[in-house]
Amino acid sequence: MAPSEFSVLVEVRLRHGIADPQGATIERALPALGLSGVTGVRAGKSFRFDIAASDEAAALAQATVVADRLLANPVIEESSVTIVGAGTPD
């Protein structure tokens, strides 16, 4: 079976308990913009890329390796990997 191309979304955020100065700054700025009631702001980053794999499970496994080994610092960050779409076989 020819590999299909899968679109992947990786979201990286600081682990619970790690200070998030960027999120805190955003949260403090919101009332000045007239936006009240927003709490718990946490900053993060997201990555989108495509992976060629035999099936969705293989794509998810490969994307998880990319996230764990390259995109997130496992000491202070955690990541979540989502397959957001599948293309056609190559």
PDB file of N, CA and C in Angstrom:
ATOM      1  N   MET A   1       0.848  -1.186   0.000  1.00  0.00           N
ATOM      2  CA  MET A   1       0.000   0.000   0.000  1.00  0.00           C
ATOM      3  C   MET A   1       0.885   1.238   0.000  1.00  0.00           C
ATOM      4  N   ALA A   2       0.594   2.163  -0.883  1.00  0.00           N
ATOM      5  CA  ALA A   2       1.376   3.402  -0.967  1.00  0.00           C
ATOM      6  C   ALA A   2       1.073   4.279   0.232  1.00  0.00           C
ATOM      7  N   PRO A   3       2.079   5.000   0.705  1.00  0.00           N
ATOM      8  CA  PRO A   3       1.835   5.869   1.864  1.00  0.00           C
ATOM      9  C   PRO A   3       0.886   7.011   1.523  1.00  0.00           C
ATOM     10  N   SER A   4       0.147   7.427   2.508  1.00  0.00           N
ATOM     11  CA  SER A   4      -0.701   8.613   2.411  1.00  0.00           C
ATOM     12  C   SER A   4      -0.017   9.743   3.146  1.00  0.00           C
ATOM     13  N   GLU A   5      -0.423  10.957   2.846  1.00  0.00           N
ATOM     14  CA  GLU A   5       0.124  12.116   3.545  1.00  0.00           C
ATOM     15  C   GLU A   5      -0.889  12.560   4.593  1.00  0.00           C
ATOM     16  N   PHE A   6      -0.423  12.703   5.815  1.00  0.00           N
ATOM     17  CA  PHE A   6      -1.268  13.109   6.931  1.00  0.00           C
ATOM     18  C   PHE A   6      -0.808  14.467   7.440  1.00  0.00           C
ATOM     19  N   SER A   7      -1.768  15.359   7.660  1.00  0.00           N
ATOM     20  CA  SER A   7      -1.464  16.664   8.245  1.00  0.00           C
ATOM     21  C   SER A   7      -1.496  16.523   9.762  1.00  0.00           C
ATOM     22  N   VAL A   8      -0.496  17.104  10.395  1.00  0.00           N
ATOM     23  CA  VAL A   8      -0.311  16.945  11.837  1.00  0.00           C
ATOM     24  C   VAL A   8      -0.292  18.316  12.508  1.00  0.00           C
ATOM     25  N   LEU A   9      -0.897  18.396  13.677  1.00  0.00           N
ATOM     26  CA  LEU A   9      -0.819  19.578  14.535  1.00  0.00           C
ATOM     27  C   LEU A   9      -0.194  19.150  15.850  1.00  0.00           C
ATOM     28  N   VAL A  10       0.904  19.805  16.219  1.00  0.00           N
ATOM     29  CA  VAL A  10       1.547  19.568  17.512  1.00  0.00           C
ATOM     30  C   VAL A  10       1.417  20.847  18.328  1.00  0.00           C
ATOM     31  N   GLU A  11       0.851  20.730  19.516  1.00  0.00           N
ATOM     32  CA  GLU A  11       0.749  21.860  20.430  1.00  0.00           C
ATOM     33  C   GLU A  11       1.686  21.602  21.607  1.00  0.00           C
ATOM     34  N   VAL A  12       2.513  22.603  21.904  1.00  0.00           N
ATOM     35  CA  VAL A  12       3.489  22.501  22.985  1.00  0.00           C
ATOM     36  C   VAL A  12       3.158  23.580  24.010  1.00  0.00           C
ATOM     37  N   ARG A  13       3.108  23.193  25.259  1.00  0.00           N
ATOM     38  CA  ARG A  13       2.818  24.151  26.333  1.00  0.00           C
ATOM     39  C   ARG A  13       3.659  23.794  27.554  1.00  0.00           C
ATOM     40  N   LEU A  14       3.813  24.777  28.414  1.00  0.00           N
ATOM     41  CA  LEU A  14       4.567  24.545  29.641  1.00  0.00           C
ATOM     42  C   LEU A  14       3.811  23.574  30.538  1.00  0.00           C
ATOM     43  N   ARG A  15       4.548  22.728  31.226  1.00  0.00           N
ATOM     44  CA  ARG A  15       3.930  21.795  32.170  1.00  0.00           C
ATOM     45  C   ARG A  15       3.257  22.575  33.300  1.00  0.00           C
ATOM     46  N   HIS A  16       2.245  21.953  33.892  1.00  0.00           N
ATOM     47  CA  HIS A  16       1.566  22.560  35.037  1.00  0.00           C
ATOM     48  C   HIS A  16       2.587  22.800  36.145  1.00  0.00           C
ATOM     49  N   GLY A  17       2.535  23.976  36.745  1.00  0.00           N
ATOM     50  CA  GLY A  17       3.459  24.316  37.822  1.00  0.00           C
ATOM     51  C   GLY A  17       4.682  25.081  37.364  1.00  0.00           C
ATOM     52  N   ILE A  18       4.921  25.143  36.055  1.00  0.00           N
ATOM     53  CA  ILE A  18       6.043  25.925  35.525  1.00  0.00           C
ATOM     54  C   ILE A  18       5.548  27.347  35.282  1.00  0.00           C
ATOM     55  N   ALA A  19       6.278  28.324  35.780  1.00  0.00           N
ATOM     56  CA  ALA A  19       5.880  29.722  35.610  1.00  0.00           C
ATOM     57  C   ALA A  19       5.767  30.066  34.126  1.00  0.00           C
ATOM     58  N   ASP A  20       4.738  30.826  33.789  1.00  0.00           N
ATOM     59  CA  ASP A  20       4.480  31.237  32.410  1.00  0.00           C
ATOM     60  C   ASP A  20       4.402  32.763  32.348  1.00  0.00           C
ATOM     61  N   PRO A  21       5.550  33.442  32.303  1.00  0.00           N
ATOM     62  CA  PRO A  21       5.528  34.901  32.310  1.00  0.00           C
ATOM     63  C   PRO A  21       4.816  35.499  31.096  1.00  0.00           C
ATOM     64  N   GLN A  22       4.899  34.867  29.950  1.00  0.00           N
ATOM     65  CA  GLN A  22       4.220  35.392  28.766  1.00  0.00           C
ATOM     66  C   GLN A  22       2.698  35.317  28.944  1.00  0.00           C
ATOM     67  N   GLY A  23       2.208  34.196  29.435  1.00  0.00           N
ATOM     68  CA  GLY A  23       0.780  34.063  29.698  1.00  0.00           C
ATOM     69  C   GLY A  23       0.308  35.060  30.744  1.00  0.00           C
ATOM     70  N   ALA A  24       1.104  35.260  31.791  1.00  0.00           N
ATOM     71  CA  ALA A  24       0.743  36.214  32.849  1.00  0.00           C
ATOM     72  C   ALA A  24       0.690  37.643  32.308  1.00  0.00           C
ATOM     73  N   THR A  25       1.620  38.001  31.444  1.00  0.00           N
ATOM     74  CA  THR A  25       1.632  39.339  30.851  1.00  0.00           C
ATOM     75  C   THR A  25       0.394  39.558  29.991  1.00  0.00           C
ATOM     76  N   ILE A  26       0.036  38.564  29.209  1.00  0.00           N
ATOM     77  CA  ILE A  26      -1.165  38.660  28.370  1.00  0.00           C
ATOM     78  C   ILE A  26      -2.401  38.822  29.256  1.00  0.00           C
ATOM     79  N   GLU A  27      -2.486  38.006  30.299  1.00  0.00           N
ATOM     80  CA  GLU A  27      -3.642  38.070  31.189  1.00  0.00           C
ATOM     81  C   GLU A  27      -3.771  39.439  31.854  1.00  0.00           C
ATOM     82  N   ARG A  28      -2.647  40.025  32.281  1.00  0.00           N
ATOM     83  CA  ARG A  28      -2.679  41.356  32.914  1.00  0.00           C
ATOM     84  C   ARG A  28      -3.069  42.444  31.921  1.00  0.00           C
ATOM     85  N   ALA A  29      -2.770  42.264  30.636  1.00  0.00           N
ATOM     86  CA  ALA A  29      -3.063  43.286  29.623  1.00  0.00           C
ATOM     87  C   ALA A  29      -4.522  43.275  29.173  1.00  0.00           C
ATOM     88  N   LEU A  30      -5.217  42.184  29.350  1.00  0.00           N
ATOM     89  CA  LEU A  30      -6.576  42.060  28.835  1.00  0.00           C
ATOM     90  C   LEU A  30      -7.556  43.107  29.363  1.00  0.00           C
ATOM     91  N   PRO A  31      -7.572  43.413  30.681  1.00  0.00           N
ATOM     92  CA  PRO A  31      -8.513  44.434  31.160  1.00  0.00           C
ATOM     93  C   PRO A  31      -8.296  45.804  30.495  1.00  0.00           C
ATOM     94  N   ALA A  32      -7.069  46.147  30.167  1.00  0.00           N
ATOM     95  CA  ALA A  32      -6.799  47.429  29.506  1.00  0.00           C
ATOM     96  C   ALA A  32      -7.420  47.467  28.112  1.00  0.00           C
ATOM     97  N   LEU A  33      -7.689  46.302  27.548  1.00  0.00           N
ATOM     98  CA  LEU A  33      -8.325  46.219  26.234  1.00  0.00           C
ATOM     99  C   LEU A  33      -9.843  46.052  26.349  1.00  0.00           C
ATOM    100  N   GLY A  34     -10.340  46.145  27.588  1.00  0.00           N
ATOM    101  CA  GLY A  34     -11.764  46.014  27.812  1.00  0.00           C
ATOM    102  C   GLY A  34     -12.249  44.576  27.850  1.00  0.00           C
ATOM    103  N   LEU A  35     -11.335  43.661  28.048  1.00  0.00           N
ATOM    104  CA  LEU A  35     -11.681  42.238  28.078  1.00  0.00           C
ATOM    105  C   LEU A  35     -11.521  41.716  29.503  1.00  0.00           C
ATOM    106  N   SER A  36     -12.642  41.555  30.171  1.00  0.00           N
ATOM    107  CA  SER A  36     -12.579  41.093  31.555  1.00  0.00           C
ATOM    108  C   SER A  36     -13.072  39.653  31.643  1.00  0.00           C
ATOM    109  N   GLY A  37     -12.774  39.011  32.749  1.00  0.00           N
ATOM    110  CA  GLY A  37     -13.239  37.657  32.991  1.00  0.00           C
ATOM    111  C   GLY A  37     -12.383  36.577  32.351  1.00  0.00           C
ATOM    112  N   VAL A  38     -11.263  36.941  31.742  1.00  0.00           N
ATOM    113  CA  VAL A  38     -10.375  35.949  31.137  1.00  0.00           C
ATOM    114  C   VAL A  38      -9.298  35.613  32.162  1.00  0.00           C
ATOM    115  N   THR A  39      -9.201  34.349  32.516  1.00  0.00           N
ATOM    116  CA  THR A  39      -8.206  33.931  33.504  1.00  0.00           C
ATOM    117  C   THR A  39      -7.502  32.666  33.015  1.00  0.00           C
ATOM    118  N   GLY A  40      -6.419  32.343  33.672  1.00  0.00           N
ATOM    119  CA  GLY A  40      -5.702  31.104  33.373  1.00  0.00           C
ATOM    120  C   GLY A  40      -5.014  31.099  32.018  1.00  0.00           C
ATOM    121  N   VAL A  41      -4.578  32.246  31.554  1.00  0.00           N
ATOM    122  CA  VAL A  41      -3.936  32.321  30.238  1.00  0.00           C
ATOM    123  C   VAL A  41      -2.581  31.618  30.292  1.00  0.00           C
ATOM    124  N   ARG A  42      -2.364  30.706  29.370  1.00  0.00           N
ATOM    125  CA  ARG A  42      -1.095  29.997  29.235  1.00  0.00           C
ATOM    126  C   ARG A  42      -0.644  30.148  27.789  1.00  0.00           C
ATOM    127  N   ALA A  43       0.578  30.568  27.593  1.00  0.00           N
ATOM    128  CA  ALA A  43       1.137  30.702  26.249  1.00  0.00           C
ATOM    129  C   ALA A  43       1.737  29.377  25.821  1.00  0.00           C
ATOM    130  N   GLY A  44       1.781  29.161  24.545  1.00  0.00           N
ATOM    131  CA  GLY A  44       2.369  27.943  24.007  1.00  0.00           C
ATOM    132  C   GLY A  44       2.774  28.178  22.569  1.00  0.00           C
ATOM    133  N   LYS A  45       3.033  27.106  21.889  1.00  0.00           N
ATOM    134  CA  LYS A  45       3.373  27.206  20.475  1.00  0.00           C
ATOM    135  C   LYS A  45       2.777  26.010  19.755  1.00  0.00           C
ATOM    136  N   SER A  46       2.536  26.194  18.474  1.00  0.00           N
ATOM    137  CA  SER A  46       1.997  25.084  17.692  1.00  0.00           C
ATOM    138  C   SER A  46       2.816  24.920  16.421  1.00  0.00           C
ATOM    139  N   PHE A  47       2.839  23.687  15.947  1.00  0.00           N
ATOM    140  CA  PHE A  47       3.572  23.332  14.744  1.00  0.00           C
ATOM    141  C   PHE A  47       2.633  22.534  13.856  1.00  0.00           C
ATOM    142  N   ARG A  48       2.669  22.807  12.571  1.00  0.00           N
ATOM    143  CA  ARG A  48       1.904  22.031  11.591  1.00  0.00           C
ATOM    144  C   ARG A  48       2.877  21.492  10.558  1.00  0.00           C
ATOM    145  N   PHE A  49       2.715  20.221  10.221  1.00  0.00           N
ATOM    146  CA  PHE A  49       3.545  19.628   9.184  1.00  0.00           C
ATOM    147  C   PHE A  49       2.834  18.405   8.631  1.00  0.00           C
ATOM    148  N   ASP A  50       3.352  17.882   7.538  1.00  0.00           N
ATOM    149  CA  ASP A  50       2.789  16.701   6.892  1.00  0.00           C
ATOM    150  C   ASP A  50       3.737  15.522   7.068  1.00  0.00           C
ATOM    151  N   ILE A  51       3.161  14.341   7.184  1.00  0.00           N
ATOM    152  CA  ILE A  51       3.939  13.106   7.314  1.00  0.00           C
ATOM    153  C   ILE A  51       3.366  12.075   6.348  1.00  0.00           C
ATOM    154  N   ALA A  52       4.248  11.423   5.618  1.00  0.00           N
ATOM    155  CA  ALA A  52       3.835  10.308   4.774  1.00  0.00           C
ATOM    156  C   ALA A  52       3.937   9.036   5.607  1.00  0.00           C
ATOM    157  N   ALA A  53       2.825   8.304   5.678  1.00  0.00           N
ATOM    158  CA  ALA A  53       2.797   7.080   6.481  1.00  0.00           C
ATOM    159  C   ALA A  53       1.779   6.118   5.884  1.00  0.00           C
ATOM    160  N   SER A  54       1.888   4.860   6.285  1.00  0.00           N
ATOM    161  CA  SER A  54       0.990   3.833   5.754  1.00  0.00           C
ATOM    162  C   SER A  54      -0.433   3.976   6.265  1.00  0.00           C
ATOM    163  N   ASP A  55      -0.581   4.504   7.490  1.00  0.00           N
ATOM    164  CA  ASP A  55      -1.918   4.708   8.049  1.00  0.00           C
ATOM    165  C   ASP A  55      -1.852   5.776   9.136  1.00  0.00           C
ATOM    166  N   GLU A  56      -3.023   6.128   9.653  1.00  0.00           N
ATOM    167  CA  GLU A  56      -3.098   7.200  10.647  1.00  0.00           C
ATOM    168  C   GLU A  56      -2.328   6.867  11.922  1.00  0.00           C
ATOM    169  N   ALA A  57      -2.386   5.629  12.365  1.00  0.00           N
ATOM    170  CA  ALA A  57      -1.665   5.227  13.582  1.00  0.00           C
ATOM    171  C   ALA A  57      -0.158   5.385  13.405  1.00  0.00           C
ATOM    172  N   ALA A  58       0.361   5.020  12.244  1.00  0.00           N
ATOM    173  CA  ALA A  58       1.797   5.178  11.978  1.00  0.00           C
ATOM    174  C   ALA A  58       2.168   6.650  11.904  1.00  0.00           C
ATOM    175  N   ALA A  59       1.301   7.457  11.306  1.00  0.00           N
ATOM    176  CA  ALA A  59       1.556   8.900  11.230  1.00  0.00           C
ATOM    177  C   ALA A  59       1.586   9.517  12.624  1.00  0.00           C
ATOM    178  N   LEU A  60       0.631   9.116  13.469  1.00  0.00           N
ATOM    179  CA  LEU A  60       0.579   9.627  14.837  1.00  0.00           C
ATOM    180  C   LEU A  60       1.823   9.218  15.618  1.00  0.00           C
ATOM    181  N   ALA A  61       2.248   7.980  15.465  1.00  0.00           N
ATOM    182  CA  ALA A  61       3.447   7.504  16.170  1.00  0.00           C
ATOM    183  C   ALA A  61       4.684   8.277  15.726  1.00  0.00           C
ATOM    184  N   GLN A  62       4.826   8.490  14.424  1.00  0.00           N
ATOM    185  CA  GLN A  62       5.991   9.214  13.921  1.00  0.00           C
ATOM    186  C   GLN A  62       5.957  10.679  14.358  1.00  0.00           C
ATOM    187  N   ALA A  63       4.793  11.303  14.312  1.00  0.00           N
ATOM    188  CA  ALA A  63       4.665  12.701  14.735  1.00  0.00           C
ATOM    189  C   ALA A  63       4.944  12.856  16.230  1.00  0.00           C
ATOM    190  N   THR A  64       4.555  11.864  17.010  1.00  0.00           N
ATOM    191  CA  THR A  64       4.826  11.901  18.453  1.00  0.00           C
ATOM    192  C   THR A  64       6.323  11.856  18.725  1.00  0.00           C
ATOM    193  N   VAL A  65       7.043  11.062  17.967  1.00  0.00           N
ATOM    194  CA  VAL A  65       8.510  11.024  18.098  1.00  0.00           C
ATOM    195  C   VAL A  65       9.102  12.386  17.771  1.00  0.00           C
ATOM    196  N   VAL A  66       8.624  13.011  16.698  1.00  0.00           N
ATOM    197  CA  VAL A  66       9.110  14.350  16.322  1.00  0.00           C
ATOM    198  C   VAL A  66       8.847  15.330  17.460  1.00  0.00           C
ATOM    199  N   ALA A  67       7.624  15.305  17.995  1.00  0.00           N
ATOM    200  CA  ALA A  67       7.262  16.223  19.081  1.00  0.00           C
ATOM    201  C   ALA A  67       8.110  15.996  20.320  1.00  0.00           C
ATOM    202  N   ASP A  68       8.273  14.735  20.717  1.00  0.00           N
ATOM    203  CA  ASP A  68       8.996  14.412  21.949  1.00  0.00           C
ATOM    204  C   ASP A  68      10.493  14.653  21.842  1.00  0.00           C
ATOM    205  N   ARG A  69      11.061  14.391  20.680  1.00  0.00           N
ATOM    206  CA  ARG A  69      12.515  14.494  20.540  1.00  0.00           C
ATOM    207  C   ARG A  69      13.005  15.853  20.069  1.00  0.00           C
ATOM    208  N   LEU A  70      12.144  16.613  19.408  1.00  0.00           N
ATOM    209  CA  LEU A  70      12.628  17.848  18.789  1.00  0.00           C
ATOM    210  C   LEU A  70      11.843  19.092  19.182  1.00  0.00           C
ATOM    211  N   LEU A  71      10.541  19.014  19.240  1.00  0.00           N
ATOM    212  CA  LEU A  71       9.725  20.215  19.375  1.00  0.00           C
ATOM    213  C   LEU A  71       9.468  20.649  20.812  1.00  0.00           C
ATOM    214  N   ALA A  72       9.488  19.727  21.747  1.00  0.00           N
ATOM    215  CA  ALA A  72       9.201  20.059  23.145  1.00  0.00           C
ATOM    216  C   ALA A  72      10.396  19.719  24.023  1.00  0.00           C
ATOM    217  N   ASN A  73      10.632  20.559  25.009  1.00  0.00           N
ATOM    218  CA  ASN A  73      11.642  20.288  26.030  1.00  0.00           C
ATOM    219  C   ASN A  73      10.944  19.476  27.123  1.00  0.00           C
ATOM    220  N   PRO A  74      11.227  18.195  27.235  1.00  0.00           N
ATOM    221  CA  PRO A  74      10.457  17.344  28.153  1.00  0.00           C
ATOM    222  C   PRO A  74      10.607  17.713  29.629  1.00  0.00           C
ATOM    223  N   VAL A  75      11.603  18.495  29.967  1.00  0.00           N
ATOM    224  CA  VAL A  75      11.786  18.897  31.366  1.00  0.00           C
ATOM    225  C   VAL A  75      10.710  19.901  31.783  1.00  0.00           C
ATOM    226  N   ILE A  76      10.352  20.829  30.890  1.00  0.00           N
ATOM    227  CA  ILE A  76       9.415  21.892  31.267  1.00  0.00           C
ATOM    228  C   ILE A  76       8.166  21.960  30.392  1.00  0.00           C
ATOM    229  N   GLU A  77       8.133  21.199  29.299  1.00  0.00           N
ATOM    230  CA  GLU A  77       7.011  21.294  28.371  1.00  0.00           C
ATOM    231  C   GLU A  77       6.356  19.935  28.151  1.00  0.00           C
ATOM    232  N   GLU A  78       5.093  19.984  27.730  1.00  0.00           N
ATOM    233  CA  GLU A  78       4.379  18.796  27.307  1.00  0.00           C
ATOM    234  C   GLU A  78       3.774  19.100  25.941  1.00  0.00           C
ATOM    235  N   SER A  79       3.508  18.045  25.194  1.00  0.00           N
ATOM    236  CA  SER A  79       2.971  18.251  23.855  1.00  0.00           C
ATOM    237  C   SER A  79       1.782  17.335  23.614  1.00  0.00           C
ATOM    238  N   SER A  80       0.944  17.762  22.690  1.00  0.00           N
ATOM    239  CA  SER A  80      -0.144  16.909  22.219  1.00  0.00           C
ATOM    240  C   SER A  80      -0.072  16.887  20.695  1.00  0.00           C
ATOM    241  N   VAL A  81      -0.328  15.719  20.144  1.00  0.00           N
ATOM    242  CA  VAL A  81      -0.231  15.519  18.701  1.00  0.00           C
ATOM    243  C   VAL A  81      -1.597  15.105  18.182  1.00  0.00           C
ATOM    244  N   THR A  82      -2.047  15.782  17.117  1.00  0.00           N
ATOM    245  CA  THR A  82      -3.330  15.485  16.513  1.00  0.00           C
ATOM    246  C   THR A  82      -3.168  15.352  15.007  1.00  0.00           C
ATOM    247  N   ILE A  83      -3.761  14.325  14.451  1.00  0.00           N
ATOM    248  CA  ILE A  83      -3.830  14.196  12.992  1.00  0.00           C
ATOM    249  C   ILE A  83      -5.048  15.016  12.574  1.00  0.00           C
ATOM    250  N   VAL A  84      -4.841  16.015  11.716  1.00  0.00           N
ATOM    251  CA  VAL A  84      -5.938  16.921  11.369  1.00  0.00           C
ATOM    252  C   VAL A  84      -6.516  16.659   9.984  1.00  0.00           C
ATOM    253  N   GLY A  85      -5.911  15.753   9.241  1.00  0.00           N
ATOM    254  CA  GLY A  85      -6.464  15.425   7.937  1.00  0.00           C
ATOM    255  C   GLY A  85      -5.567  14.431   7.228  1.00  0.00           C
ATOM    256  N   ALA A  86      -6.139  13.781   6.252  1.00  0.00           N
ATOM    257  CA  ALA A  86      -5.355  12.829   5.453  1.00  0.00           C
ATOM    258  C   ALA A  86      -5.474  13.206   3.997  1.00  0.00           C
ATOM    259  N   GLY A  87      -4.386  13.087   3.302  1.00  0.00           N
ATOM    260  CA  GLY A  87      -4.385  13.387   1.874  1.00  0.00           C
ATOM    261  C   GLY A  87      -4.614  12.129   1.058  1.00  0.00           C
ATOM    262  N   THR A  88      -4.160  12.184  -0.154  1.00  0.00           N
ATOM    263  CA  THR A  88      -4.297  11.044  -1.055  1.00  0.00           C
ATOM    264  C   THR A  88      -2.980  10.309  -1.123  1.00  0.00           C
ATOM    265  N   PRO A  89      -2.982   9.051  -1.497  1.00  0.00           N
ATOM    266  CA  PRO A  89      -1.726   8.310  -1.615  1.00  0.00           C
ATOM    267  C   PRO A  89      -0.782   8.969  -2.602  1.00  0.00           C
ATOM    268  N   ASP A  90       0.534   8.866  -2.313  1.00  0.00           N
ATOM    269  CA  ASP A  90       1.547   9.432  -3.210  1.00  0.00           C
ATOM    270  C   ASP A  90       1.581   8.710  -4.526  1.00  0.00           C
TER     271      ASP A  90
END
